Protein backbone atom coordinates (compact mmCIF):
# COMPACT_ATOMS: atom_id res chain seq x y z
CA MET A 1 -9.23 0.52 -14.24
CA ASP A 2 -12.50 0.18 -12.37
CA LEU A 3 -11.67 0.59 -8.68
CA GLY A 4 -15.06 -0.72 -7.60
CA LEU A 5 -15.77 2.30 -5.41
CA LYS A 6 -19.16 3.14 -6.88
CA GLY A 7 -21.74 3.44 -4.11
CA LYS A 8 -19.16 2.87 -1.37
CA VAL A 9 -19.45 5.04 1.74
CA ILE A 10 -16.05 6.62 2.40
CA VAL A 11 -15.48 8.74 5.51
CA VAL A 12 -12.90 11.50 5.02
CA SER A 13 -11.81 13.39 8.10
CA GLY A 14 -10.54 16.82 7.11
CA GLY A 15 -12.47 16.62 3.85
CA GLY A 16 -13.63 20.20 4.28
CA GLY A 17 -10.21 21.69 3.59
CA ARG A 18 -9.69 24.56 1.20
CA ALA A 19 -10.05 23.97 -2.52
CA GLY A 20 -6.89 22.26 -3.72
CA SER A 21 -6.09 20.72 -0.35
CA ILE A 22 -5.45 16.99 -0.11
CA GLY A 23 -8.78 16.39 1.61
CA GLU A 24 -10.82 18.40 -0.90
CA THR A 25 -8.99 16.86 -3.85
CA LEU A 26 -9.64 13.38 -2.49
CA LEU A 27 -13.29 14.31 -2.06
CA GLN A 28 -13.62 15.27 -5.72
CA ARG A 29 -11.82 12.13 -6.91
CA LEU A 30 -14.15 9.96 -4.83
CA VAL A 31 -17.14 11.61 -6.48
CA GLU A 32 -15.63 10.93 -9.92
CA GLU A 33 -15.44 7.24 -8.98
CA GLY A 34 -19.09 7.22 -7.96
CA ALA A 35 -18.34 6.80 -4.25
CA ILE A 36 -20.33 8.49 -1.48
CA PRO A 37 -17.95 10.67 0.53
CA VAL A 38 -18.79 11.60 4.10
CA ILE A 39 -16.97 14.70 5.28
CA LEU A 40 -16.05 15.06 8.94
CA ASP A 41 -14.64 18.53 9.47
CA ILE A 42 -15.00 21.49 11.80
CA SER A 43 -15.17 23.89 8.83
CA ASP A 44 -18.57 24.60 7.30
CA ARG A 45 -16.97 24.45 3.85
CA GLY A 46 -18.03 20.82 3.92
CA ALA A 47 -21.69 21.86 3.59
CA ARG A 48 -20.89 23.82 0.43
CA TYR A 49 -18.95 20.93 -1.06
CA VAL A 50 -21.83 18.53 -0.44
CA GLU A 51 -24.30 20.94 -2.05
CA GLU A 52 -22.06 21.25 -5.11
CA ILE A 53 -21.75 17.46 -5.35
CA LYS A 54 -25.52 17.01 -5.15
CA GLN A 55 -26.12 19.66 -7.81
CA LYS A 56 -23.95 17.57 -10.14
CA GLY A 57 -25.99 14.46 -9.42
CA GLY A 58 -23.69 12.88 -6.85
CA ALA A 59 -24.29 11.84 -3.26
CA ALA A 60 -22.42 13.02 -0.18
CA LEU A 61 -22.89 13.85 3.49
CA PHE A 62 -21.34 16.48 5.74
CA CYS A 63 -21.14 16.13 9.52
CA GLN A 64 -19.67 19.26 11.07
CA THR A 65 -17.43 17.78 13.73
CA ASP A 66 -14.71 18.89 16.11
CA LEU A 67 -12.60 15.77 15.71
CA THR A 68 -10.82 16.35 19.01
CA GLN A 69 -14.07 15.88 20.92
CA PRO A 70 -15.17 12.26 21.52
CA GLU A 71 -18.88 13.03 21.82
CA GLU A 72 -18.92 14.96 18.55
CA VAL A 73 -17.18 12.12 16.72
CA LYS A 74 -19.57 9.61 18.26
CA LYS A 75 -22.55 11.72 17.16
CA ALA A 76 -21.22 11.98 13.59
CA ILE A 77 -20.81 8.21 13.31
CA LYS A 78 -24.38 7.74 14.57
CA ILE A 79 -25.62 10.07 11.81
CA ILE A 80 -23.71 8.04 9.21
CA GLU A 81 -25.13 4.82 10.60
CA GLY A 82 -28.65 6.20 10.45
CA LYS A 83 -28.30 7.36 6.84
CA TYR A 84 -26.21 4.60 5.26
CA GLY A 85 -25.92 1.78 7.79
CA THR A 86 -22.33 1.11 6.78
CA ILE A 87 -18.84 2.51 6.33
CA ASP A 88 -16.70 0.96 3.60
CA ALA A 89 -13.51 2.90 4.28
CA ILE A 90 -12.10 5.63 6.49
CA VAL A 91 -9.46 8.07 5.32
CA ASN A 92 -8.00 9.79 8.37
CA ASN A 93 -6.76 12.99 6.81
CA VAL A 94 -7.29 15.78 9.33
CA GLY A 95 -4.11 17.45 10.56
CA LEU A 96 -2.06 20.60 10.92
CA ASN A 97 1.68 21.12 11.09
CA ASP A 98 1.14 23.62 13.85
CA GLY A 99 4.70 24.45 14.90
CA VAL A 100 4.18 23.32 18.50
CA GLY A 101 7.81 22.88 19.54
CA LEU A 102 9.72 22.51 22.78
CA GLU A 103 9.03 26.10 23.72
CA ALA A 104 5.27 25.46 23.66
CA SER A 105 3.19 24.84 26.75
CA HIS A 106 2.09 21.41 27.92
CA GLU A 107 -1.48 22.34 26.96
CA GLN A 108 -0.44 23.28 23.41
CA PHE A 109 1.42 20.00 23.00
CA ILE A 110 -1.61 18.00 24.16
CA GLU A 111 -3.89 19.93 21.80
CA SER A 112 -1.56 19.15 18.92
CA LEU A 113 -1.70 15.45 19.75
CA LYS A 114 -5.49 15.57 20.03
CA LEU A 115 -5.91 17.02 16.55
CA ASN A 116 -3.18 15.13 14.72
CA LEU A 117 -3.36 11.72 16.42
CA VAL A 118 -6.21 11.26 18.87
CA SER A 119 -8.74 12.26 16.19
CA TYR A 120 -7.63 9.23 14.15
CA PHE A 121 -8.24 6.96 17.12
CA LEU A 122 -11.66 8.44 17.84
CA VAL A 123 -12.96 8.06 14.27
CA VAL A 124 -11.83 4.43 14.03
CA LYS A 125 -13.02 3.59 17.56
CA TYR A 126 -16.59 4.73 16.98
CA ALA A 127 -16.79 3.59 13.35
CA LEU A 128 -15.41 0.11 14.04
CA PRO A 129 -18.75 -1.73 14.29
CA LEU A 130 -19.74 -0.38 10.86
CA LEU A 131 -16.31 -1.18 9.42
CA LYS A 132 -16.60 -4.75 10.70
CA LYS A 133 -20.03 -5.07 9.15
CA ALA A 134 -18.72 -3.96 5.74
CA LYS A 135 -15.29 -5.59 6.08
CA GLY A 136 -14.02 -2.13 5.23
CA ASN A 137 -10.55 -0.64 5.54
CA ILE A 138 -8.62 2.26 7.05
CA LEU A 139 -6.15 4.61 5.41
CA ASN A 140 -4.16 7.01 7.59
CA ILE A 141 -2.52 10.05 6.04
CA GLY A 142 0.98 10.37 7.45
CA SER A 143 3.98 12.63 7.00
CA LYS A 144 7.69 12.23 6.37
CA VAL A 145 8.18 14.33 9.52
CA ALA A 146 7.51 11.14 11.53
CA LEU A 147 10.64 9.60 10.00
CA THR A 148 12.94 12.50 9.22
CA GLY A 149 12.11 15.10 11.84
CA GLN A 150 11.74 18.73 10.86
CA GLY A 151 12.54 20.91 13.83
CA LYS A 152 10.28 23.15 15.91
CA THR A 153 7.23 20.91 15.57
CA SER A 154 7.36 18.40 18.43
CA GLY A 155 3.59 17.98 18.61
CA TYR A 156 3.07 17.25 14.93
CA ALA A 157 6.13 15.00 14.68
CA ALA A 158 5.09 12.97 17.72
CA ALA A 159 1.54 12.68 16.43
CA LYS A 160 2.61 11.55 12.98
CA GLY A 161 4.95 9.00 14.53
CA GLY A 162 1.95 7.78 16.50
CA VAL A 163 -0.11 7.55 13.31
CA LEU A 164 2.41 5.12 11.85
CA GLY A 165 2.37 3.10 15.07
CA LEU A 166 -1.43 2.93 15.02
CA THR A 167 -1.37 1.85 11.37
CA ARG A 168 0.65 -1.27 12.15
CA GLU A 169 -1.21 -1.89 15.42
CA TRP A 170 -4.62 -1.73 13.76
CA ALA A 171 -3.47 -3.87 10.84
CA VAL A 172 -2.64 -6.59 13.39
CA ASP A 173 -5.65 -5.99 15.64
CA LEU A 174 -8.17 -6.15 12.81
CA LEU A 175 -6.84 -9.17 10.91
CA PRO A 176 -9.58 -11.43 12.31
CA PHE A 177 -12.20 -9.14 10.75
CA GLY A 178 -10.59 -8.87 7.33
CA ILE A 179 -10.06 -5.13 7.83
CA ARG A 180 -6.98 -3.68 6.17
CA CYS A 181 -5.08 -0.66 7.50
CA ASN A 182 -2.41 1.29 5.63
CA ALA A 183 -0.77 4.71 5.67
CA ILE A 184 0.13 7.13 2.90
CA ILE A 185 3.25 9.14 3.69
CA ILE A 186 3.61 12.55 2.12
CA ALA A 187 6.68 14.74 1.94
CA GLU A 188 6.35 17.98 -0.02
CA SER A 189 2.97 18.65 -1.67
CA TRP A 190 1.77 21.96 -3.06
CA THR A 191 -1.42 22.70 -1.13
CA PRO A 192 -3.06 26.02 -0.19
CA MET A 193 -1.57 25.80 3.31
CA TYR A 194 1.89 25.11 1.89
CA GLU A 195 1.55 28.10 -0.45
CA GLU A 196 0.49 30.29 2.46
CA TRP A 197 3.52 29.13 4.47
CA ILE A 198 5.86 30.04 1.62
CA ASP A 199 4.17 33.40 1.00
CA ASN A 200 4.53 34.39 4.65
CA MET A 201 8.20 33.47 4.79
CA GLU A 202 11.07 35.88 4.28
CA ASN A 203 12.79 34.88 1.03
CA GLY A 204 9.97 32.42 0.41
CA ALA A 205 10.71 32.03 -3.29
CA GLN A 206 14.33 31.06 -2.55
CA LYS A 207 13.20 28.63 0.16
CA LEU A 208 10.74 27.02 -2.24
CA LYS A 209 13.41 26.64 -4.91
CA ALA A 210 15.72 24.96 -2.38
CA ILE A 211 12.99 22.54 -1.28
CA VAL A 212 11.99 21.56 -4.80
CA LYS A 213 15.61 20.96 -5.74
CA LYS A 214 15.79 18.27 -3.03
CA ILE A 215 12.92 16.21 -4.47
CA PRO A 216 14.67 13.55 -6.58
CA LEU A 217 11.96 12.67 -9.10
CA GLU A 218 11.62 15.53 -11.59
CA ASN A 219 12.57 18.11 -8.95
CA ARG A 220 8.96 19.00 -8.32
CA MET A 221 6.39 18.73 -5.56
CA THR A 222 3.88 15.93 -5.33
CA THR A 223 0.44 17.10 -6.44
CA PRO A 224 -2.66 16.54 -4.28
CA SER A 225 -4.14 14.66 -7.26
CA GLU A 226 -1.26 12.17 -7.21
CA ILE A 227 -1.82 11.61 -3.51
CA ALA A 228 -5.57 11.22 -4.01
CA ASP A 229 -5.10 8.67 -6.80
CA THR A 230 -2.88 6.53 -4.57
CA CYS A 231 -5.41 6.83 -1.76
CA LEU A 232 -8.24 5.65 -4.00
CA PHE A 233 -6.29 2.62 -5.19
CA THR A 234 -5.26 1.70 -1.65
CA ILE A 235 -8.79 1.77 -0.23
CA SER A 236 -10.17 -0.13 -3.22
CA LYS A 237 -10.51 -3.88 -3.72
CA ARG A 238 -7.63 -3.59 -6.19
CA ALA A 239 -5.36 -3.43 -3.12
CA SER A 240 -7.19 -6.23 -1.34
CA HIS A 241 -4.07 -7.99 0.00
CA THR A 242 -2.22 -4.87 1.12
CA THR A 243 -2.22 -4.12 4.84
CA GLY A 244 0.13 -2.68 7.45
CA GLN A 245 2.02 -0.78 4.77
CA PHE A 246 3.56 2.69 4.67
CA ILE A 247 3.13 3.86 1.08
CA PHE A 248 5.34 6.80 0.17
CA VAL A 249 4.00 9.27 -2.38
CA ASP A 250 6.93 11.65 -2.27
CA GLY A 251 9.00 11.55 -5.47
CA GLY A 252 11.72 9.64 -3.61
CA TYR A 253 12.20 12.40 -1.04
CA VAL A 254 12.64 10.16 2.01
CA HIS A 255 14.51 7.14 0.69
CA LEU A 256 16.69 8.00 -2.29
CA ASP A 257 20.39 8.70 -1.91
CA ARG A 258 21.23 12.32 -1.06
CA ALA A 259 24.13 12.00 -3.50
CA LEU A 260 21.53 12.39 -6.24
CA LEU A 261 21.03 15.96 -5.17
CA ASN A 262 23.75 18.04 -6.77
CA ASP A 263 24.10 20.97 -9.09
CA THR A 264 24.99 18.81 -12.08
CA ASN A 265 21.57 17.09 -12.24
CA PRO A 266 19.65 18.09 -15.36
């Protein structure tokens, strides 16, 4: 299926994540579709990714950006405007489940919100004129934590709840401009950060086995590639009448009956 993304300018916040992360995987899938990814990330890995893409004959842009800082986001959008003059889609993907719980300081909680929620607002705010020009769309990467809770991560949970609220708010706000806004909700996905979390945990292998057992479909984690594929479809014209939706790519983790999870399952 041709998704019609060739030559489209797609902004990916957090696109400079480690190899195998959701952001980096999405970046590679965009290149395969012939799109022009623009990476907004504080990590200088983005520069290396862009160089690799160019060496393979693709096009890409990296703007090293602290996404919690309004002036840096504003500057990055100006660079994009100067180079391409348009933005066809934004994928708000930056985020960190940082473990900022009730024992954290007020300052730590605010910093968590700035990274995991306010950054989404800033990117859309400053990119909006270009989105309107292109009649583009917005895709927010969310988390099941917004709906299920997790414990010991008040900042991240509050932020991800806010992301879902902004998704519906923007879908309504931007109807007059033909701009769609949706969210992808992820539960358990095997990324480098997830692997590091398991490796640093006492009895990590047992914990991982217990988590995987609770994922109804095939008792396995969602792959970053599966998430990226859903993202690409959602931002494409193939999903042209889909807006204000929470799309779960989670193997049934959030919604399916817990009674499915028992020792007799094959």
